[in-house]
Each structure stands twice: as C-alpha cells, then as structure tokens.
Amino acid sequence: MRFKQSGFATITITVLLLSIIILVTLYTARFKVQEQRITRNHASMQEATMVADAAIEQIVMEVNAEKSNLNRTIDGVIGGAQYNATLSSTRFDDTIRGDVDIVDVVLTATSADTRATRTLRQQVAVLPMIRSAPDTPVAIKGSMNVSGNFEVVANPNGGGDGVPLSIWTEGDVDVNGSGTTCGQQEFSEGACSSRPFSERGDHGVDILDNDPNFPPDLLEYLFGVPESKWQELRDSANVIVNGCDSIGPASTGLIWVIGNCAPTVDIGSLANPVALVIQDGSLSINGSTVVNGMVFAFRTPGNLTNYELKLNGGATINGAVMANYDPTLSNGTLKVRYHEEVLTNLVSNDAFKRVLRVGGSWRDF
C-alpha cells in the first residue's frame, strides 16, 4: 500500500512540474511575441519619423523650385515608404519685406509596412528679394550733375495718378548738359527731345530733387537689407561675378557684380530681367547694348571712391537705375526708360523670390 501511495505522489509531482514548465514556456513565448511586436512597431515608427523628416526637406525644395505654385498636394515615396503633403498659402501684403506668402505644410508619412504614421507641420515663407517695383527710372542718394547727354523716360504715375516721375534724388539735380526727360508716348514716337517734360533750363514737375523723405538707406529701401549687412544680400544672389563678361541675354535673377561692369551684349530680357548690383565699380555700356532690369550702383560703407555711370552709342536700360552715392555722369550718355513690365517681373518672377523656414513653426502634433 505504501508503494502505491509513493507512486501516486511521484506522478502528481511530475504532472505539476510539467504544468509549471508548460505555463512558463507559454508565458515566455507570449512575452517574446509581445517584445517582437513592440520592437517592430518601434522600428516602424522610427522609419516613419525618418521618412517624414526627409520628406519635409524635399517639400521645401519643391516650394523653392515652384515659388508661384503654393497651393497643392504633393505625394512621394522614400525607400518604399509613402508620404503626402498638403500646401496652403496665405499672402500678407505691404510688410517690411514686401508681399510675403506664408505656406502651411501638413505632411503625413507612413512606414513601408504601413504599421506607423508620422505627421509633421512646418511653415515656410516665400519672400520677394525686391520689396516692391521701383516707381522711378532714376533714383540717386545724393546729387545728380549731368554734364553729358541724357534721356530719361518717366513713369507716368510715379508721383501719383497722372503725375510723371523721371528722377528722384536726395540732393540737387543740375542739368547743364544736353538731355531731356519725356513721357512714354513721346519716347515711342521719337519725340523725346521735341516734347520734353524737363530739359536744360526747364526743371519740370517730373524731377523730384532735394526730397527730405528720400530713404536714408537705399539698399534697405529696395531689398529690405540694411547697408551694414550688405554681405547677406550678396550671399543670397543667384550669381556672384567679377565683371560682366559672363552674363548675357539668358541671365536673370539677382546678379552681384564685383568691380567694373562693361557689358558688350544685352543682359536679361523683358520677361526675365536682372537686378544688377555693381559693388564698388563703374558701369560703362557702349554700342546698342540693352540692359533689361534694374541697375543698382552700390558703394560699400566706408568707401569714398568716385565711380562712373556711362551709356554711350544708343545703349539703353529698360527699367531703372539706382545709386547710393553721387555717380559721375560727365561726358557720357544716360538713357533710361521706365518699363513697367520689366520692373513688375523683378518682384513677381520666381528668380527674385527666396524661401525661408518660419522659426518655431515646426511641430509634430
């Protein structure tokens, strides 16, 4: 009888031990499955996060490539993982940087196994490089003494509705050479000299000189960048060159020229003009060369050198000429025509816009 009880106890203990082993095995297997699921989900979330971060960079590049197409949906794939971005823009007019577009980007990225998604939000600003189109064909911070020839075609509404504006200066305009200012129609009909607004001895209302409201910083007035930080504007230029030999009709955007500029071919076009900044140098255009856009003669702070501005032999600037100092105009010809289409394109064309991230706008909720 004692042996039977001993055998039963052994069987009972064995069954209990096997049950415990089975339970431990099942628990361990369940734990491992759960651990693998957590690891897999974590990896999927990491992948979705990396895809979202990379996709945001691509979206900023897309906005930079098409600065006028700011309300759209963009789909893409990175490493087998998909993302979708919705762009919506709001325009803010007449800011200190001109008309600014703020683009709200909402981006959702999904991992390749579709287990995880990540949503990011980011704002980018699309800014014009030139705050607004110049409203005068000639603006000089200082005086303008013309002892050569000149022909300036006015903005018919530069001084207000129906009030022409040809020359705007901080100091005196002294016309003692041979030249005239005139209207657009007179210029088109070849009658600028016979039907002028202003000429030697006759200072018309189209010349606004000794203006106490002339901007103290012409660089900041045009580009929103103060003279003390002119290097920032230079570094944002589409092209930085020494001299003008490498630019021509196909050139567009902000072109920063270091030193003298003496082009022998046309620069820019009516549809795709240039903003030509000439740093510490003279401008000399000969022959029938045409510059389409704005020429800004810029003398860096502390530089007191006198530079020349000459256009000879039928050379023309379609747009505007600006200078932050008194340029030497003697013995040359100044022929500048205010061209509304050209100057409007200086502000509206994509080549003259820059894309910046709005600080503090990134969030993942």
Foldseek 3Di string as FASTA:
>chain_A
DVVVVVVVVVVVVVVVVVVVVVVVVVVVVVVVVVVVVVVVLVVQAVQQVVVQVVVVVVVLVVCLVPVPPFADKDWDDDPQKIKIKGKDWDWDADDLQGIKIKIKIWMKIGGNVRSDIFIKIFIKMKTFQWRAFDQEFEEEAEEEEAAEEEEWEWRCASVHVRQTAYYEYLAYYAAPHFYFYDYPVCVVVVNCNVDGQDGHPRDHRNHHYNDPPDDLAVSCNTRVDGLVPVVVVVVPWPEEEAEDDPAEQVDAAEYEYEAEYEDAHEHYDLLGAYEYEYEPYAYEYEAQHEHQAEYEDEYHPPDPDAYAYAYYHNYEYAAHYYYHHHHDNYPHYHHYYHHVSSSRSSGPPSSRIDMGTDPPGMDGD
